[in-house]
Every structure is written in structure tokens, then in C-alpha cells.
C-alpha atoms as a PDB file:
ATOM      1  CA  MET A   1      18.746  17.016   9.902  1.00  0.00           C
ATOM      2  CA  GLU A   2      16.702  14.986  11.929  1.00  0.00           C
ATOM      3  CA  VAL A   3      20.061  13.894  14.210  1.00  0.00           C
ATOM      4  CA  ILE A   4      20.671  18.381  14.360  1.00  0.00           C
ATOM      5  CA  CYS A   5      16.148  18.294  15.754  1.00  0.00           C
ATOM      6  CA  ALA A   6      17.290  15.451  17.313  1.00  0.00           C
ATOM      7  CA  ILE A   7      20.129  17.083  19.495  1.00  0.00           C
ATOM      8  CA  LEU A   8      18.208  19.750  19.426  1.00  0.00           C
ATOM      9  CA  VAL A   9      15.021  18.429  21.736  1.00  0.00           C
ATOM     10  CA  ALA A  10      17.440  16.676  23.764  1.00  0.00           C
ATOM     11  CA  LEU A  11      18.672  19.181  24.917  1.00  0.00           C
ATOM     12  CA  PHE A  12      15.827  21.556  25.570  1.00  0.00           C
ATOM     13  CA  GLY A  13      14.459  17.655  28.016  1.00  0.00           C
ATOM     14  CA  ILE A  14      17.304  18.235  29.497  1.00  0.00           C
ATOM     15  CA  GLY A  15      17.477  22.111  30.506  1.00  0.00           C
ATOM     16  CA  PHE A  16      13.746  22.256  31.386  1.00  0.00           C
ATOM     17  CA  GLY A  17      13.838  19.325  33.359  1.00  0.00           C
ATOM     18  CA  ILE A  18      16.850  21.212  34.881  1.00  0.00           C
ATOM     19  CA  PHE A  19      14.177  23.311  35.729  1.00  0.00           C
ATOM     20  CA  MET A  20      11.729  20.683  36.882  1.00  0.00           C
ATOM     21  CA  ALA A  21      14.074  19.281  39.500  1.00  0.00           C
ATOM     22  CA  LEU A  22      14.957  22.310  41.340  1.00  0.00           C
ATOM     23  CA  GLN A  23      11.895  25.372  40.776  1.00  0.00           C
ATOM     24  CA  PRO A  24       9.286  22.253  40.286  1.00  0.00           C
ATOM     25  CA  GLU A  25       6.567  24.750  42.335  1.00  0.00           C
ATOM     26  CA  ASP A  26       7.318  27.107  39.718  1.00  0.00           C
ATOM     27  CA  ALA A  27       6.980  24.069  37.167  1.00  0.00           C
ATOM     28  CA  ILE A  28       3.875  23.609  38.392  1.00  0.00           C
ATOM     29  CA  ALA A  29       2.880  27.275  38.029  1.00  0.00           C
ATOM     30  CA  LEU A  30       3.917  26.637  34.437  1.00  0.00           C
ATOM     31  CA  SER A  31       1.187  23.435  34.277  1.00  0.00           C
ATOM     32  CA  SER A  32      -1.851  25.012  36.172  1.00  0.00           C
ATOM     33  CA  ARG A  33      -0.771  28.697  34.472  1.00  0.00           C
ATOM     34  CA  ARG A  34      -4.002  28.026  31.686  1.00  0.00           C
ATOM     35  CA  ARG A  35      -6.588  27.091  33.567  1.00  0.00           C
ATOM     36  CA  TYR A  36      -9.130  29.919  34.955  1.00  0.00           C
ATOM     37  CA  THR A  37      -9.788  28.401  38.422  1.00  0.00           C
ATOM     38  CA  GLN A  38      -7.943  28.555  42.010  1.00  0.00           C
ATOM     39  CA  VAL A  39      -5.312  26.228  41.746  1.00  0.00           C
ATOM     40  CA  PRO A  40      -4.927  25.677  45.131  1.00  0.00           C
ATOM     41  CA  GLU A  41      -1.661  24.786  47.000  1.00  0.00           C
ATOM     42  CA  PRO A  42       0.693  21.565  45.561  1.00  0.00           C
ATOM     43  CA  THR A  43       1.410  19.138  48.560  1.00  0.00           C
ATOM     44  CA  GLU A  44       4.459  18.174  49.613  1.00  0.00           C
ATOM     45  CA  GLU A  45       4.194  14.600  47.503  1.00  0.00           C
ATOM     46  CA  TYR A  46       3.408  16.153  44.332  1.00  0.00           C
ATOM     47  CA  ILE A  47       6.418  19.177  44.597  1.00  0.00           C
ATOM     48  CA  ARG A  48       8.765  15.910  45.299  1.00  0.00           C
ATOM     49  CA  LEU A  49       6.804  14.643  42.130  1.00  0.00           C
ATOM     50  CA  THR A  50       7.546  17.002  39.375  1.00  0.00           C
ATOM     51  CA  ARG A  51      10.949  17.321  40.436  1.00  0.00           C
ATOM     52  CA  LEU A  52      11.658  13.141  40.056  1.00  0.00           C
ATOM     53  CA  GLU A  53       9.432  13.584  36.680  1.00  0.00           C
ATOM     54  CA  GLY A  54      11.588  16.330  36.040  1.00  0.00           C
ATOM     55  CA  ILE A  55      14.726  14.106  36.526  1.00  0.00           C
ATOM     56  CA  VAL A  56      14.190  11.094  34.172  1.00  0.00           C
ATOM     57  CA  LEU A  57      12.848  13.530  31.777  1.00  0.00           C
ATOM     58  CA  SER A  58      16.623  15.319  31.881  1.00  0.00           C
ATOM     59  CA  VAL A  59      18.346  11.247  32.205  1.00  0.00           C
ATOM     60  CA  LEU A  60      16.536  10.338  29.332  1.00  0.00           C
ATOM     61  CA  CYS A  61      17.164  13.250  27.094  1.00  0.00           C
ATOM     62  CA  ALA A  62      20.337  12.963  27.981  1.00  0.00           C
ATOM     63  CA  VAL A  63      20.823   8.940  26.212  1.00  0.00           C
ATOM     64  CA  LEU A  64      19.353  10.505  23.268  1.00  0.00           C
ATOM     65  CA  LEU A  65      22.399  12.930  23.240  1.00  0.00           C
ATOM     66  CA  HIS A  66      24.021  10.424  23.307  1.00  0.00           C
ATOM     67  CA  SER A  67      23.026   8.876  20.734  1.00  0.00           C
ATOM     68  CA  SER A  68      22.647  10.939  18.603  1.00  0.00           C
ATOM     69  CA  CYS A  69      25.786  12.387  18.911  1.00  0.00           C
ATOM     70  CA  GLY A  70      26.964   9.058  18.491  1.00  0.00           C
ATOM     71  CA  ILE A  71      25.834   9.223  15.114  1.00  0.00           C
ATOM     72  CA  PHE A  72      26.033  12.496  14.228  1.00  0.00           C
ATOM     73  CA  LEU A  73      30.087  11.299  14.244  1.00  0.00           C
ATOM     74  CA  ALA A  74      29.239   7.713  12.287  1.00  0.00           C
ATOM     75  CA  LEU A  75      28.033  10.355   9.378  1.00  0.00           C
ATOM     76  CA  LEU A  76      30.818  12.267   9.836  1.00  0.00           C
ATOM     77  CA  GLN A  77      33.423   9.587   9.939  1.00  0.00           C
END
């Protein structure tokens, strides 16, 4: 059960990381949506960092997915 949860979390993380990398302005808008004050436009550096965070998140979740699938396949044998 833990392996299946890890696989689902990894797939969600990969998807959200790709979303952050391809649409950083929308990802920034999601995180600032909870604030009730006026949020200034994000700078180019902040957009670049958000894009980099998305790539790192996708890579880390891909590593988690790879290790989880390896454990899952070992359990099946």
C-alpha cells in the first residue's frame, strides 16, 4: 500500500513540476491566490526560479517513481 501511495505522489509531483516549468506565471498565481492584498507582477528572476523549482521537483519525483516501481516489481516476484 505504501508503494502505491509513493507512486501516486510521484506521478502528481511530476505533473505539478511540469506545470511549474511550463507555466510559471500560473504557478505563482496559485501560490499568491490566498493573499488578500494586491500582489505585484513577478519579476523575471522569480519566474526563472519557479521554472527551476518545477524542473527539480519533476526530477526528484521521477527518482521517487523509479525507486518505488523497483520496489513494487521486487515485491511481485
